[in-house]
Amino acid sequence: EIVDEEDSHLKELKSQWGEEACKAVVTALLELNEYNPSGRYVVSELWNFKEHRKATLKEVVNCLIHQLKAMKSLKRRERPN
């Protein structure tokens, strides 16, 4: 989606809150469209906090495997003998 810089809402936002706030809103809109163009609802994203970036596919898979193993061990502990 292309952002219309002449949009009345953007102009009002820029006049009331300044250029930085307007840029933040435009960036958020573009990111929403990038990750989910059909619905504009929030999509969770796995993040590598140590390296301050999005997680790679390999990191996502490793995280899922780790979570599955943790869930399996919890189920084993909860199982009555």
Protein backbone atom coordinates (compact mmCIF):
# COMPACT_ATOMS: atom_id res chain seq x y z
CA GLU A 1 0.00 0.00 0.00
CA ILE A 2 1.17 3.48 -0.78
CA VAL A 3 0.71 6.04 1.96
CA ASP A 4 -0.98 9.24 0.82
CA GLU A 5 1.09 12.07 2.30
CA GLU A 6 -1.82 14.44 1.57
CA ASP A 7 -4.27 12.43 3.70
CA SER A 8 -6.22 14.74 6.00
CA HIS A 9 -5.68 12.50 9.04
CA LEU A 10 -1.92 12.44 8.48
CA LYS A 11 -1.82 16.19 8.01
CA GLU A 12 -3.76 16.73 11.23
CA LEU A 13 -1.51 14.29 13.09
CA LYS A 14 1.59 16.06 11.80
CA SER A 15 0.29 19.50 12.76
CA GLN A 16 -0.72 18.41 16.29
CA TRP A 17 2.10 16.01 17.18
CA GLY A 18 4.92 16.77 14.77
CA GLU A 19 6.89 15.01 12.07
CA GLU A 20 8.25 12.19 14.27
CA ALA A 21 4.79 11.05 15.40
CA CYS A 22 3.56 11.11 11.82
CA LYS A 23 6.55 9.03 10.67
CA ALA A 24 5.90 6.51 13.46
CA VAL A 25 2.28 6.08 12.36
CA VAL A 26 3.26 5.69 8.70
CA THR A 27 5.92 3.12 9.62
CA ALA A 28 3.43 1.15 11.72
CA LEU A 29 0.89 1.15 8.88
CA LEU A 30 3.47 -0.04 6.36
CA GLU A 31 4.61 -2.82 8.71
CA LEU A 32 1.03 -3.97 9.29
CA ASN A 33 0.51 -4.16 5.54
CA GLU A 34 3.81 -5.98 5.02
CA TYR A 35 3.04 -8.72 7.53
CA ASN A 36 -0.69 -9.05 7.03
CA PRO A 37 -2.10 -7.12 4.08
CA SER A 38 -5.53 -8.76 4.19
CA GLY A 39 -6.60 -7.95 7.72
CA ARG A 40 -4.39 -5.31 9.29
CA TYR A 41 -4.50 -7.15 12.58
CA VAL A 42 -1.45 -7.81 14.70
CA VAL A 43 0.66 -10.84 13.80
CA SER A 44 3.05 -12.26 16.37
CA GLU A 45 6.68 -12.39 15.38
CA LEU A 46 9.51 -14.22 17.06
CA TRP A 47 12.32 -11.85 17.99
CA ASN A 48 15.99 -12.46 18.78
CA PHE A 49 16.42 -10.05 21.68
CA LYS A 50 20.13 -10.76 22.12
CA GLU A 51 20.87 -9.60 18.57
CA HIS A 52 18.04 -7.02 18.28
CA ARG A 53 16.51 -8.49 15.12
CA LYS A 54 13.80 -10.81 13.82
CA ALA A 55 14.48 -14.48 14.44
CA THR A 56 15.58 -16.59 11.49
CA LEU A 57 13.55 -19.61 10.39
CA LYS A 58 16.15 -21.89 11.99
CA GLU A 59 15.83 -20.02 15.29
CA VAL A 60 12.03 -20.28 15.14
CA VAL A 61 12.19 -24.04 14.57
CA ASN A 62 14.68 -24.46 17.43
CA CYS A 63 12.40 -22.44 19.72
CA LEU A 64 9.38 -24.59 18.81
CA ILE A 65 11.32 -27.80 19.42
CA HIS A 66 12.48 -26.47 22.79
CA GLN A 67 8.89 -25.60 23.75
CA LEU A 68 7.60 -29.02 22.67
CA LYS A 69 10.25 -30.77 24.76
CA ALA A 70 9.35 -28.63 27.76
CA MET A 71 5.64 -29.43 27.35
CA LYS A 72 6.35 -33.17 27.06
CA SER A 73 8.41 -33.16 30.25
CA LEU A 74 5.62 -31.33 32.10
CA LYS A 75 3.06 -33.88 30.92
CA ARG A 76 5.26 -36.74 32.13
CA ARG A 77 5.50 -35.15 35.59
CA GLU A 78 1.74 -34.64 35.80
CA ARG A 79 0.89 -38.20 34.74
CA PRO A 80 -0.36 -40.33 37.65
CA ASN A 81 1.38 -43.70 38.11
